[in-house]
Structure formats: C-alpha cells, structure tokens
N, C-alpha and C. Protein backbone atom coordinates (compact mmCIF):
# COMPACT_ATOMS: atom_id res chain seq x y z
N MET A 1 0.85 -1.19 0.00
CA MET A 1 0.00 0.00 0.00
C MET A 1 0.88 1.24 0.00
N ALA A 2 0.66 2.15 -0.89
CA ALA A 2 1.52 3.32 -1.03
C ALA A 2 1.18 4.37 0.01
N ASP A 3 2.13 5.28 0.19
CA ASP A 3 1.91 6.34 1.16
C ASP A 3 0.74 7.22 0.78
N ASP A 4 0.42 7.33 -0.54
CA ASP A 4 -0.71 8.16 -0.94
C ASP A 4 -2.02 7.58 -0.45
N ALA A 5 -2.00 6.33 0.08
CA ALA A 5 -3.21 5.74 0.63
C ALA A 5 -3.72 6.55 1.82
N VAL A 6 -2.89 7.40 2.39
CA VAL A 6 -3.37 8.33 3.42
C VAL A 6 -4.15 9.42 2.71
N GLY A 7 -5.45 9.41 2.86
CA GLY A 7 -6.31 10.34 2.15
C GLY A 7 -6.37 11.71 2.78
N LYS A 8 -7.31 12.50 2.30
CA LYS A 8 -7.42 13.89 2.75
C LYS A 8 -7.69 13.97 4.25
N ALA A 9 -8.56 13.10 4.75
CA ALA A 9 -8.87 13.14 6.17
C ALA A 9 -7.63 12.81 7.00
N GLY A 10 -6.86 11.82 6.55
CA GLY A 10 -5.64 11.45 7.25
C GLY A 10 -4.60 12.55 7.21
N ARG A 11 -4.49 13.22 6.06
CA ARG A 11 -3.52 14.32 5.97
C ARG A 11 -3.96 15.50 6.82
N ALA A 12 -5.27 15.74 6.87
CA ALA A 12 -5.77 16.83 7.72
C ALA A 12 -5.52 16.52 9.20
N ALA A 13 -5.74 15.27 9.58
CA ALA A 13 -5.49 14.88 10.97
C ALA A 13 -4.01 14.97 11.30
N ALA A 14 -3.15 14.64 10.33
CA ALA A 14 -1.71 14.77 10.53
C ALA A 14 -1.32 16.25 10.67
N GLY A 15 -1.94 17.10 9.86
CA GLY A 15 -1.66 18.53 9.96
C GLY A 15 -2.04 19.06 11.33
N PHE A 16 -3.19 18.61 11.84
CA PHE A 16 -3.59 19.02 13.18
C PHE A 16 -2.59 18.51 14.22
N GLY A 17 -2.15 17.27 14.06
CA GLY A 17 -1.17 16.71 14.99
C GLY A 17 0.12 17.49 14.99
N CYS A 18 0.55 17.93 13.80
CA CYS A 18 1.77 18.74 13.71
C CYS A 18 1.59 20.05 14.47
N LEU A 19 0.47 20.72 14.26
CA LEU A 19 0.22 22.00 14.94
C LEU A 19 0.10 21.80 16.45
N LEU A 20 -0.58 20.72 16.86
CA LEU A 20 -0.71 20.43 18.29
C LEU A 20 0.66 20.23 18.92
N GLY A 21 1.50 19.44 18.26
CA GLY A 21 2.84 19.17 18.80
C GLY A 21 3.70 20.42 18.86
N LEU A 22 3.66 21.21 17.79
CA LEU A 22 4.47 22.43 17.78
C LEU A 22 4.00 23.42 18.84
N ALA A 23 2.68 23.53 19.02
CA ALA A 23 2.15 24.44 20.04
C ALA A 23 2.58 23.98 21.43
N ALA A 24 2.51 22.67 21.69
CA ALA A 24 2.92 22.15 23.00
C ALA A 24 4.41 22.36 23.23
N LEU A 25 5.22 22.13 22.21
CA LEU A 25 6.66 22.33 22.33
C LEU A 25 6.99 23.80 22.56
N ALA A 26 6.30 24.68 21.84
CA ALA A 26 6.54 26.11 22.00
C ALA A 26 6.14 26.58 23.40
N LEU A 27 5.02 26.08 23.88
CA LEU A 27 4.58 26.45 25.24
C LEU A 27 5.60 25.98 26.26
N GLN A 28 6.06 24.73 26.15
CA GLN A 28 7.04 24.23 27.11
C GLN A 28 8.35 25.00 27.02
N ALA A 29 8.76 25.34 25.80
CA ALA A 29 9.98 26.14 25.64
C ALA A 29 9.82 27.51 26.29
N GLY A 30 8.64 28.12 26.11
CA GLY A 30 8.38 29.43 26.69
C GLY A 30 8.34 29.43 28.21
N LEU A 31 8.14 28.27 28.79
CA LEU A 31 8.15 28.14 30.24
C LEU A 31 9.52 27.71 30.77
N THR A 32 10.11 26.72 30.13
CA THR A 32 11.35 26.12 30.63
C THR A 32 12.55 27.03 30.45
N ILE A 33 12.67 27.65 29.29
CA ILE A 33 13.87 28.45 29.01
C ILE A 33 13.95 29.68 29.91
N PRO A 34 12.89 30.49 30.04
CA PRO A 34 12.97 31.61 30.99
C PRO A 34 13.19 31.17 32.43
N ALA A 35 12.55 30.05 32.82
CA ALA A 35 12.75 29.56 34.19
C ALA A 35 14.20 29.14 34.40
N GLY A 36 14.80 28.52 33.39
CA GLY A 36 16.20 28.13 33.50
C GLY A 36 17.11 29.32 33.62
N MET A 37 16.84 30.37 32.84
CA MET A 37 17.65 31.58 32.91
C MET A 37 17.48 32.28 34.25
N ALA A 38 16.26 32.23 34.79
CA ALA A 38 16.03 32.83 36.11
C ALA A 38 16.79 32.10 37.20
N ASN A 39 17.11 30.83 36.94
CA ASN A 39 17.88 30.03 37.91
C ASN A 39 19.37 30.04 37.64
N GLY A 40 19.80 30.97 36.78
CA GLY A 40 21.22 31.16 36.57
C GLY A 40 21.82 30.55 35.31
N ARG A 41 21.01 29.90 34.50
CA ARG A 41 21.54 29.34 33.26
C ARG A 41 21.71 30.43 32.22
N SER A 42 22.65 30.24 31.31
CA SER A 42 22.74 31.12 30.16
C SER A 42 21.61 30.76 29.19
N LEU A 43 21.38 31.60 28.19
CA LEU A 43 20.34 31.30 27.20
C LEU A 43 20.65 29.98 26.51
N GLY A 44 21.91 29.80 26.11
CA GLY A 44 22.30 28.56 25.46
C GLY A 44 22.13 27.37 26.37
N GLY A 45 22.52 27.52 27.64
CA GLY A 45 22.38 26.45 28.60
C GLY A 45 20.93 26.08 28.84
N ALA A 46 20.06 27.09 28.89
CA ALA A 46 18.63 26.84 29.11
C ALA A 46 18.03 26.12 27.91
N ILE A 47 18.45 26.48 26.71
CA ILE A 47 17.95 25.81 25.51
C ILE A 47 18.41 24.36 25.48
N LEU A 48 19.69 24.13 25.79
CA LEU A 48 20.21 22.77 25.79
C LEU A 48 19.54 21.91 26.86
N PHE A 49 19.23 22.52 28.01
CA PHE A 49 18.50 21.80 29.04
C PHE A 49 17.11 21.40 28.54
N TYR A 50 16.43 22.31 27.88
CA TYR A 50 15.12 22.03 27.30
C TYR A 50 15.20 20.87 26.31
N LEU A 51 16.28 20.84 25.53
CA LEU A 51 16.46 19.81 24.52
C LEU A 51 17.07 18.52 25.06
N SER A 52 17.20 18.41 26.36
CA SER A 52 17.81 17.21 26.94
C SER A 52 16.80 16.11 27.26
N PHE A 53 15.50 16.38 27.07
CA PHE A 53 14.47 15.45 27.49
C PHE A 53 13.96 14.59 26.33
N PHE A 54 13.78 13.31 26.59
CA PHE A 54 13.27 12.39 25.57
C PHE A 54 11.88 12.83 25.10
N THR A 55 11.07 13.32 26.01
CA THR A 55 9.72 13.77 25.64
C THR A 55 9.79 14.90 24.62
N ILE A 56 10.65 15.87 24.85
CA ILE A 56 10.76 17.02 23.95
C ILE A 56 11.27 16.57 22.59
N LEU A 57 12.33 15.80 22.57
CA LEU A 57 12.92 15.38 21.29
C LEU A 57 11.97 14.47 20.53
N SER A 58 11.29 13.56 21.23
CA SER A 58 10.35 12.66 20.55
C SER A 58 9.17 13.42 19.98
N ASN A 59 8.68 14.42 20.71
CA ASN A 59 7.59 15.22 20.18
C ASN A 59 8.04 16.05 18.98
N GLY A 60 9.30 16.47 18.96
CA GLY A 60 9.82 17.17 17.80
C GLY A 60 9.86 16.28 16.57
N VAL A 61 10.33 15.05 16.76
CA VAL A 61 10.34 14.08 15.65
C VAL A 61 8.92 13.78 15.20
N LEU A 62 8.02 13.62 16.15
CA LEU A 62 6.62 13.34 15.81
C LEU A 62 6.02 14.46 14.97
N ALA A 63 6.29 15.70 15.33
CA ALA A 63 5.77 16.82 14.54
C ALA A 63 6.29 16.75 13.11
N ALA A 64 7.56 16.35 12.94
CA ALA A 64 8.14 16.21 11.60
C ALA A 64 7.47 15.07 10.85
N VAL A 65 7.16 13.96 11.53
CA VAL A 65 6.47 12.84 10.89
C VAL A 65 5.08 13.27 10.43
N HIS A 66 4.38 14.01 11.28
CA HIS A 66 3.07 14.54 10.88
C HIS A 66 3.21 15.47 9.68
N LEU A 67 4.21 16.33 9.69
CA LEU A 67 4.41 17.27 8.58
C LEU A 67 4.69 16.52 7.29
N ALA A 68 5.47 15.45 7.37
CA ALA A 68 5.78 14.66 6.18
C ALA A 68 4.51 14.10 5.56
N THR A 69 3.57 13.68 6.40
CA THR A 69 2.31 13.13 5.90
C THR A 69 1.40 14.23 5.37
N ALA A 70 1.28 15.31 6.13
CA ALA A 70 0.37 16.38 5.74
C ALA A 70 0.80 17.06 4.46
N SER A 71 2.11 17.24 4.29
CA SER A 71 2.63 17.98 3.13
C SER A 71 2.94 17.10 1.93
N ARG A 72 3.22 15.82 2.19
CA ARG A 72 3.67 14.87 1.15
C ARG A 72 4.93 15.36 0.44
N ALA A 73 5.75 16.15 1.15
CA ALA A 73 6.97 16.69 0.55
C ALA A 73 7.95 15.56 0.22
N PRO A 74 8.49 15.53 -1.00
CA PRO A 74 9.45 14.47 -1.37
C PRO A 74 10.66 14.42 -0.44
N ALA A 75 11.11 15.58 0.03
CA ALA A 75 12.30 15.62 0.88
C ALA A 75 12.06 14.93 2.23
N LEU A 76 10.80 14.75 2.59
CA LEU A 76 10.47 14.14 3.88
C LEU A 76 9.99 12.70 3.73
N ALA A 77 10.24 12.11 2.57
CA ALA A 77 9.71 10.77 2.29
C ALA A 77 10.17 9.74 3.31
N VAL A 78 11.40 9.90 3.82
CA VAL A 78 11.91 8.92 4.79
C VAL A 78 11.03 8.87 6.03
N LEU A 79 10.39 9.97 6.37
CA LEU A 79 9.54 10.02 7.57
C LEU A 79 8.17 9.41 7.32
N ARG A 80 7.90 9.01 6.09
CA ARG A 80 6.63 8.33 5.79
C ARG A 80 6.81 6.82 5.70
N ARG A 81 8.02 6.33 5.96
CA ARG A 81 8.24 4.89 5.91
C ARG A 81 7.46 4.19 7.02
N PRO A 82 6.92 3.02 6.73
CA PRO A 82 6.12 2.31 7.75
C PRO A 82 6.87 2.08 9.06
N ALA A 83 8.17 1.74 8.98
CA ALA A 83 8.92 1.48 10.20
C ALA A 83 9.10 2.75 11.03
N VAL A 84 9.22 3.89 10.35
CA VAL A 84 9.35 5.16 11.08
C VAL A 84 8.04 5.48 11.79
N ARG A 85 6.93 5.34 11.07
CA ARG A 85 5.64 5.61 11.68
C ARG A 85 5.37 4.66 12.85
N ALA A 86 5.69 3.38 12.66
CA ALA A 86 5.49 2.41 13.74
C ALA A 86 6.43 2.69 14.90
N GLY A 87 7.65 3.10 14.59
CA GLY A 87 8.61 3.44 15.64
C GLY A 87 8.14 4.61 16.48
N MET A 88 7.54 5.59 15.83
CA MET A 88 7.01 6.72 16.59
C MET A 88 5.81 6.32 17.43
N MET A 89 5.04 5.36 16.94
CA MET A 89 3.93 4.84 17.74
C MET A 89 4.47 4.26 19.04
N ALA A 90 5.51 3.43 18.94
CA ALA A 90 6.12 2.85 20.13
C ALA A 90 6.72 3.92 21.02
N ALA A 91 7.40 4.90 20.42
CA ALA A 91 8.06 5.96 21.19
C ALA A 91 7.06 6.79 21.97
N MET A 92 5.94 7.14 21.35
CA MET A 92 4.98 7.99 22.04
C MET A 92 4.21 7.22 23.11
N LEU A 93 3.96 5.93 22.87
CA LEU A 93 3.37 5.11 23.94
C LEU A 93 4.33 5.01 25.12
N PHE A 94 5.62 4.91 24.81
CA PHE A 94 6.64 4.84 25.87
C PHE A 94 6.68 6.15 26.64
N VAL A 95 6.64 7.29 25.94
CA VAL A 95 6.63 8.60 26.59
C VAL A 95 5.47 8.69 27.58
N MET A 96 4.30 8.30 27.12
CA MET A 96 3.11 8.41 27.97
C MET A 96 3.19 7.45 29.15
N ALA A 97 3.57 6.20 28.90
CA ALA A 97 3.60 5.20 29.97
C ALA A 97 4.68 5.51 31.00
N PHE A 98 5.88 5.89 30.54
CA PHE A 98 6.98 6.17 31.47
C PHE A 98 6.64 7.37 32.35
N TYR A 99 6.04 8.38 31.75
CA TYR A 99 5.66 9.55 32.55
C TYR A 99 4.58 9.17 33.56
N HIS A 100 3.56 8.47 33.08
CA HIS A 100 2.40 8.19 33.94
C HIS A 100 2.76 7.29 35.11
N PHE A 101 3.55 6.26 34.85
CA PHE A 101 3.81 5.26 35.87
C PHE A 101 5.09 5.52 36.68
N VAL A 102 6.02 6.32 36.13
CA VAL A 102 7.29 6.52 36.82
C VAL A 102 7.49 7.95 37.31
N LEU A 103 7.18 8.93 36.48
CA LEU A 103 7.54 10.31 36.79
C LEU A 103 6.42 11.15 37.39
N ALA A 104 5.17 10.87 37.03
CA ALA A 104 4.08 11.78 37.39
C ALA A 104 3.94 11.99 38.88
N ALA A 105 4.21 10.96 39.67
CA ALA A 105 4.04 11.08 41.12
C ALA A 105 5.12 11.92 41.78
N SER A 106 6.19 12.24 41.04
CA SER A 106 7.33 12.94 41.65
C SER A 106 7.21 14.45 41.58
N TRP A 107 6.22 14.98 40.88
CA TRP A 107 6.05 16.44 40.86
C TRP A 107 4.62 16.78 40.52
N ALA A 108 4.22 18.01 40.80
CA ALA A 108 2.84 18.44 40.61
C ALA A 108 2.82 19.79 39.90
N PRO A 109 2.93 19.80 38.58
CA PRO A 109 2.92 21.07 37.85
C PRO A 109 1.56 21.76 37.97
N ALA A 110 1.59 23.08 37.86
CA ALA A 110 0.35 23.85 37.94
C ALA A 110 0.33 24.89 36.83
N GLY A 111 -0.85 25.41 36.56
CA GLY A 111 -0.99 26.47 35.56
C GLY A 111 -0.58 26.01 34.17
N TRP A 112 0.17 26.88 33.49
CA TRP A 112 0.59 26.57 32.12
C TRP A 112 1.57 25.40 32.08
N PHE A 113 2.33 25.20 33.15
CA PHE A 113 3.20 24.02 33.22
C PHE A 113 2.36 22.74 33.14
N LYS A 114 1.20 22.74 33.81
CA LYS A 114 0.31 21.59 33.77
C LYS A 114 -0.24 21.39 32.35
N VAL A 115 -0.60 22.49 31.70
CA VAL A 115 -1.12 22.40 30.33
C VAL A 115 -0.07 21.78 29.40
N ALA A 116 1.16 22.28 29.48
CA ALA A 116 2.23 21.75 28.64
C ALA A 116 2.50 20.29 28.98
N ASP A 117 2.47 19.97 30.26
CA ASP A 117 2.73 18.61 30.72
C ASP A 117 1.71 17.63 30.12
N VAL A 118 0.45 17.97 30.21
CA VAL A 118 -0.61 17.10 29.68
C VAL A 118 -0.52 17.01 28.15
N ALA A 119 -0.24 18.14 27.52
CA ALA A 119 -0.17 18.15 26.06
C ALA A 119 0.93 17.25 25.53
N LEU A 120 2.11 17.33 26.15
CA LEU A 120 3.27 16.59 25.64
C LEU A 120 3.27 15.12 26.05
N HIS A 121 2.68 14.80 27.21
CA HIS A 121 2.74 13.42 27.69
C HIS A 121 1.49 12.62 27.42
N TYR A 122 0.38 13.29 27.13
CA TYR A 122 -0.87 12.57 26.91
C TYR A 122 -1.54 12.93 25.59
N ALA A 123 -1.71 14.23 25.32
CA ALA A 123 -2.48 14.63 24.14
C ALA A 123 -1.79 14.22 22.84
N THR A 124 -0.49 14.53 22.71
CA THR A 124 0.18 14.18 21.45
C THR A 124 0.32 12.67 21.28
N PRO A 125 0.66 11.90 22.31
CA PRO A 125 0.69 10.44 22.11
C PRO A 125 -0.67 9.85 21.75
N LEU A 126 -1.73 10.28 22.43
CA LEU A 126 -3.05 9.73 22.15
C LEU A 126 -3.54 10.13 20.76
N HIS A 127 -3.27 11.36 20.36
CA HIS A 127 -3.66 11.78 19.01
C HIS A 127 -2.94 10.93 17.98
N TYR A 128 -1.63 10.73 18.18
CA TYR A 128 -0.89 9.96 17.19
C TYR A 128 -1.34 8.49 17.18
N ALA A 129 -1.63 7.95 18.35
CA ALA A 129 -2.12 6.57 18.39
C ALA A 129 -3.41 6.43 17.58
N GLY A 130 -4.31 7.40 17.75
CA GLY A 130 -5.55 7.39 16.98
C GLY A 130 -5.28 7.53 15.49
N TRP A 131 -4.37 8.46 15.15
CA TRP A 131 -4.04 8.66 13.73
C TRP A 131 -3.45 7.39 13.13
N TRP A 132 -2.50 6.79 13.83
CA TRP A 132 -1.82 5.61 13.30
C TRP A 132 -2.80 4.45 13.12
N LEU A 133 -3.67 4.24 14.07
CA LEU A 133 -4.63 3.14 13.98
C LEU A 133 -5.63 3.34 12.85
N ILE A 134 -6.07 4.58 12.65
CA ILE A 134 -7.15 4.85 11.70
C ILE A 134 -6.64 5.13 10.29
N PHE A 135 -5.58 5.91 10.17
CA PHE A 135 -5.20 6.43 8.86
C PHE A 135 -3.92 5.84 8.26
N ALA A 136 -3.00 5.36 9.07
CA ALA A 136 -1.73 4.88 8.52
C ALA A 136 -1.93 3.60 7.71
N PRO A 137 -1.24 3.47 6.57
CA PRO A 137 -1.27 2.19 5.85
C PRO A 137 -0.64 1.11 6.73
N HIS A 138 -1.25 -0.08 6.74
CA HIS A 138 -0.78 -1.14 7.64
C HIS A 138 -0.34 -2.38 6.86
N GLY A 139 0.38 -3.24 7.59
CA GLY A 139 0.82 -4.50 7.02
C GLY A 139 2.13 -4.43 6.28
N ARG A 140 2.93 -3.39 6.53
CA ARG A 140 4.17 -3.22 5.77
C ARG A 140 5.41 -3.22 6.65
N THR A 141 5.27 -3.51 7.92
CA THR A 141 6.44 -3.63 8.80
C THR A 141 6.79 -5.11 8.97
N SER A 142 8.05 -5.37 9.24
CA SER A 142 8.49 -6.74 9.50
C SER A 142 9.02 -6.82 10.92
N TRP A 143 9.14 -8.04 11.44
CA TRP A 143 9.67 -8.22 12.78
C TRP A 143 11.08 -7.66 12.89
N ARG A 144 11.83 -7.69 11.78
CA ARG A 144 13.19 -7.18 11.80
C ARG A 144 13.24 -5.68 12.01
N SER A 145 12.11 -5.00 11.80
CA SER A 145 12.08 -3.55 11.99
C SER A 145 12.24 -3.15 13.45
N ALA A 146 11.99 -4.08 14.36
CA ALA A 146 12.01 -3.75 15.79
C ALA A 146 13.36 -3.19 16.23
N GLY A 147 14.44 -3.77 15.73
CA GLY A 147 15.77 -3.28 16.12
C GLY A 147 16.00 -1.86 15.68
N ALA A 148 15.62 -1.54 14.44
CA ALA A 148 15.78 -0.18 13.94
C ALA A 148 14.89 0.79 14.71
N MET A 149 13.69 0.35 15.06
CA MET A 149 12.77 1.20 15.82
C MET A 149 13.33 1.53 17.20
N ALA A 150 14.05 0.57 17.80
CA ALA A 150 14.60 0.78 19.14
C ALA A 150 15.89 1.58 19.12
N ALA A 151 16.41 1.89 17.93
CA ALA A 151 17.65 2.65 17.84
C ALA A 151 17.48 4.07 18.38
N TRP A 152 16.27 4.62 18.26
CA TRP A 152 16.04 6.00 18.71
C TRP A 152 16.22 6.15 20.23
N PRO A 153 15.56 5.38 21.07
CA PRO A 153 15.80 5.55 22.51
C PRO A 153 17.23 5.18 22.92
N PHE A 154 17.85 4.23 22.22
CA PHE A 154 19.23 3.89 22.54
C PHE A 154 20.15 5.07 22.26
N ALA A 155 19.95 5.72 21.10
CA ALA A 155 20.77 6.89 20.76
C ALA A 155 20.52 8.01 21.77
N TYR A 156 19.26 8.18 22.19
CA TYR A 156 18.96 9.22 23.18
C TYR A 156 19.67 8.94 24.49
N ALA A 157 19.65 7.69 24.95
CA ALA A 157 20.29 7.34 26.22
C ALA A 157 21.78 7.65 26.18
N LEU A 158 22.43 7.34 25.06
CA LEU A 158 23.85 7.66 24.93
C LEU A 158 24.08 9.17 24.99
N TYR A 159 23.22 9.92 24.31
CA TYR A 159 23.32 11.38 24.31
C TYR A 159 23.12 11.94 25.72
N ALA A 160 22.09 11.48 26.42
CA ALA A 160 21.78 12.01 27.75
C ALA A 160 22.90 11.71 28.74
N ILE A 161 23.45 10.51 28.66
CA ILE A 161 24.52 10.13 29.58
C ILE A 161 25.80 10.89 29.27
N ALA A 162 26.12 11.04 27.98
CA ALA A 162 27.32 11.80 27.59
C ALA A 162 27.18 13.26 27.98
N ARG A 163 26.00 13.84 27.76
CA ARG A 163 25.78 15.24 28.15
C ARG A 163 25.90 15.39 29.66
N GLY A 164 25.35 14.43 30.40
CA GLY A 164 25.42 14.49 31.85
C GLY A 164 26.84 14.43 32.36
N ALA A 165 27.67 13.63 31.70
CA ALA A 165 29.07 13.53 32.12
C ALA A 165 29.81 14.85 31.94
N VAL A 166 29.37 15.65 30.96
CA VAL A 166 30.02 16.93 30.68
C VAL A 166 29.49 18.04 31.58
N VAL A 167 28.16 18.14 31.70
CA VAL A 167 27.57 19.27 32.42
C VAL A 167 27.18 18.94 33.86
N GLY A 168 27.20 17.66 34.22
CA GLY A 168 26.91 17.28 35.60
C GLY A 168 25.45 17.25 35.98
N GLU A 169 24.53 17.11 35.00
CA GLU A 169 23.11 16.98 35.32
C GLU A 169 22.48 16.01 34.33
N TYR A 170 21.43 15.35 34.78
CA TYR A 170 20.78 14.32 33.97
C TYR A 170 19.28 14.61 33.92
N PRO A 171 18.65 14.39 32.79
CA PRO A 171 17.23 14.75 32.66
C PRO A 171 16.29 13.84 33.44
N TYR A 172 16.71 12.60 33.71
CA TYR A 172 15.85 11.65 34.42
C TYR A 172 16.65 10.94 35.51
N PRO A 173 16.05 10.69 36.66
CA PRO A 173 16.77 10.03 37.75
C PRO A 173 17.37 8.68 37.37
N VAL A 174 16.72 7.93 36.50
CA VAL A 174 17.23 6.60 36.13
C VAL A 174 18.52 6.68 35.32
N LEU A 175 18.84 7.88 34.81
CA LEU A 175 20.06 8.06 34.03
C LEU A 175 21.15 8.79 34.81
N ASP A 176 20.90 9.10 36.07
CA ASP A 176 21.83 9.91 36.86
C ASP A 176 23.04 9.08 37.29
N ALA A 177 24.06 9.08 36.44
CA ALA A 177 25.26 8.29 36.73
C ALA A 177 26.02 8.83 37.94
N ALA A 178 25.91 10.14 38.21
CA ALA A 178 26.60 10.71 39.37
C ALA A 178 26.06 10.14 40.67
N ALA A 179 24.75 9.90 40.70
CA ALA A 179 24.13 9.38 41.92
C ALA A 179 24.10 7.85 41.96
N LEU A 180 23.92 7.23 40.80
CA LEU A 180 23.71 5.79 40.77
C LEU A 180 24.94 5.00 40.36
N GLY A 181 25.85 5.63 39.65
CA GLY A 181 26.99 4.92 39.10
C GLY A 181 26.66 4.40 37.71
N TYR A 182 27.67 4.22 36.88
CA TYR A 182 27.43 3.83 35.50
C TYR A 182 26.90 2.40 35.38
N GLY A 183 27.29 1.52 36.31
CA GLY A 183 26.78 0.15 36.26
C GLY A 183 25.28 0.10 36.44
N ARG A 184 24.77 0.82 37.44
CA ARG A 184 23.33 0.85 37.68
C ARG A 184 22.60 1.54 36.53
N VAL A 185 23.17 2.61 36.01
CA VAL A 185 22.54 3.30 34.88
C VAL A 185 22.49 2.38 33.66
N ALA A 186 23.57 1.65 33.41
CA ALA A 186 23.58 0.71 32.28
C ALA A 186 22.48 -0.34 32.44
N ALA A 187 22.28 -0.82 33.66
CA ALA A 187 21.21 -1.79 33.91
C ALA A 187 19.84 -1.16 33.70
N ASN A 188 19.67 0.10 34.14
CA ASN A 188 18.41 0.81 33.92
C ASN A 188 18.12 0.97 32.43
N VAL A 189 19.14 1.38 31.68
CA VAL A 189 18.98 1.57 30.25
C VAL A 189 18.63 0.25 29.58
N ALA A 190 19.31 -0.82 29.96
CA ALA A 190 19.02 -2.13 29.38
C ALA A 190 17.58 -2.55 29.65
N GLY A 191 17.11 -2.31 30.87
CA GLY A 191 15.74 -2.66 31.20
C GLY A 191 14.72 -1.85 30.43
N LEU A 192 14.98 -0.54 30.32
CA LEU A 192 14.06 0.32 29.58
C LEU A 192 14.05 0.00 28.09
N LEU A 193 15.24 -0.33 27.55
CA LEU A 193 15.30 -0.70 26.14
C LEU A 193 14.57 -2.02 25.89
N ALA A 194 14.64 -2.93 26.84
CA ALA A 194 13.91 -4.19 26.70
C ALA A 194 12.40 -3.93 26.68
N LEU A 195 11.95 -3.03 27.55
CA LEU A 195 10.53 -2.67 27.54
C LEU A 195 10.14 -1.98 26.25
N PHE A 196 11.02 -1.11 25.75
CA PHE A 196 10.74 -0.42 24.49
C PHE A 196 10.68 -1.41 23.34
N LEU A 197 11.60 -2.36 23.33
CA LEU A 197 11.60 -3.37 22.28
C LEU A 197 10.32 -4.19 22.32
N LEU A 198 9.85 -4.49 23.52
CA LEU A 198 8.58 -5.21 23.66
C LEU A 198 7.44 -4.38 23.07
N LEU A 199 7.44 -3.08 23.35
CA LEU A 199 6.44 -2.19 22.76
C LEU A 199 6.51 -2.22 21.25
N CYS A 200 7.73 -2.21 20.70
CA CYS A 200 7.91 -2.26 19.25
C CYS A 200 7.29 -3.54 18.69
N LEU A 201 7.50 -4.65 19.35
CA LEU A 201 6.95 -5.93 18.87
C LEU A 201 5.42 -5.91 18.93
N VAL A 202 4.87 -5.30 19.97
CA VAL A 202 3.41 -5.19 20.07
C VAL A 202 2.88 -4.33 18.93
N VAL A 203 3.55 -3.22 18.64
CA VAL A 203 3.12 -2.33 17.56
C VAL A 203 3.22 -3.05 16.21
N ILE A 204 4.30 -3.78 15.99
CA ILE A 204 4.46 -4.51 14.73
C ILE A 204 3.37 -5.57 14.60
N ALA A 205 3.09 -6.28 15.69
CA ALA A 205 2.03 -7.29 15.66
C ALA A 205 0.69 -6.65 15.31
N ALA A 206 0.40 -5.48 15.90
CA ALA A 206 -0.84 -4.77 15.60
C ALA A 206 -0.87 -4.33 14.14
N ASP A 207 0.27 -3.84 13.65
CA ASP A 207 0.35 -3.39 12.26
C ASP A 207 0.08 -4.55 11.30
N ARG A 208 0.70 -5.68 11.56
CA ARG A 208 0.51 -6.83 10.69
C ARG A 208 -0.93 -7.35 10.75
N ARG A 209 -1.51 -7.33 11.93
CA ARG A 209 -2.90 -7.76 12.07
C ARG A 209 -3.85 -6.82 11.33
N LEU A 210 -3.62 -5.51 11.50
CA LEU A 210 -4.48 -4.53 10.81
C LEU A 210 -4.32 -4.64 9.30
N GLY A 211 -3.09 -4.90 8.85
CA GLY A 211 -2.87 -5.07 7.43
C GLY A 211 -3.60 -6.30 6.90
N ALA A 212 -3.59 -7.39 7.65
CA ALA A 212 -4.29 -8.61 7.22
C ALA A 212 -5.80 -8.37 7.15
N VAL A 213 -6.33 -7.64 8.13
CA VAL A 213 -7.77 -7.34 8.14
C VAL A 213 -8.15 -6.48 6.94
N SER A 214 -7.30 -5.47 6.63
CA SER A 214 -7.63 -4.55 5.53
C SER A 214 -7.60 -5.24 4.17
N ARG A 215 -6.88 -6.37 4.07
CA ARG A 215 -6.77 -7.06 2.78
C ARG A 215 -7.92 -8.07 2.56
N ARG A 216 -8.73 -8.28 3.58
CA ARG A 216 -9.84 -9.24 3.44
C ARG A 216 -10.94 -8.69 2.54
C-alpha cells in the first residue's frame, strides 16, 4: 500500500497533529527556558536543558512525521516509511507510559506548566495513536524492523549520559550516573530498552494484524 493511501482526512489529521505538537513544544519552551535563565543558566544552557528530554525530542520528531504526511513533501519521504511511523507509535506510547507510571508522582505542575505537561505526555501520544490506527497504511512492517525502531531511545540514552558527564546533570533520575553509578545506569537503560523493544513488537504485531484485516 503506497503512502498516498493516506487520504485527505488522514492528511488533515496529521496537519492538526503537527500543529498540536508544535504548540505544545513552543509552550514548554516558553516556560522552561525563561525559568532556566532565572535560575542562573545562560540562554544557550537553558535551551540545551530544554532539549535534553526524551519527551521534547520525541515530540519534535513526531511533529516532523506529521508534517511529512500532511505535506507529502518528497524531501520528507523517509519520515513516511512504515517502520518510522510504527517506531514513533512505540516511542509515544513509551513517553506516555513512562511519565504516567514513573515520573508523574514525583512532581505536581500547575498552571501553564500543567497544560504543557498534559499536552506533551498525553495529548500528542493519544492523538498519534488514533491517527496511526485509523489512517496509517498497515501490514508493511516486518519483525526485523524492531531493532531499527529501538535505535532512537538507545541513541537518546547515549546522548543524555554523555551530556550528563560533561555538564553534571541528567534529565531523568534513572540516568543519573553521578548518583547511581554507570553500572546501575547501564542496567536501567538495558531494562528500559527491553521494555521499548517489547512495545515495538506489540506495535508490529498490531500493524501486521491490521494489514491482514484490511486485505480481506
């Protein structure tokens, strides 16, 4: 099934998803960067801190995936590949689940921080899940795609740990090598990657099942 199988309704929903993601990212940037500067960070340091979170980076990639679908731009064709779309499905489910079950109890945002928090951890993942289930062409991923799909969180973990070693801060407690040691962090990363890989397999299984149903 070709990428053009995403019809007008699917492209419109993708366009909305892109705008939703960009608005949520802009709101979070407008809150995080000034707050960081008020706490003594430079502008560059505050921006890099904002860009240190898996949620922020994943939502940025998701907005680009939505844009690729909405615009059908040839230069963005790689973002319309079935494995990329399925990988983002797994990534956004991971963002929502990790926040809800691990991080949410550790802080209580209020006001616009709460709005940004809900938008980035719940609204964008749920919108994309709905889009992927309803509009994405299905039945074109293979089990071998799971490794490539899991490359994104693995690359992020390496980036976050390397950045932390340089600047002395980590975006998530499970990656805090200064407090936990590299051995414990490596075990945490391995466990989280195993969970992510399981999510990838579930997404691939759903994709293959939906593809089989659509061909009946």
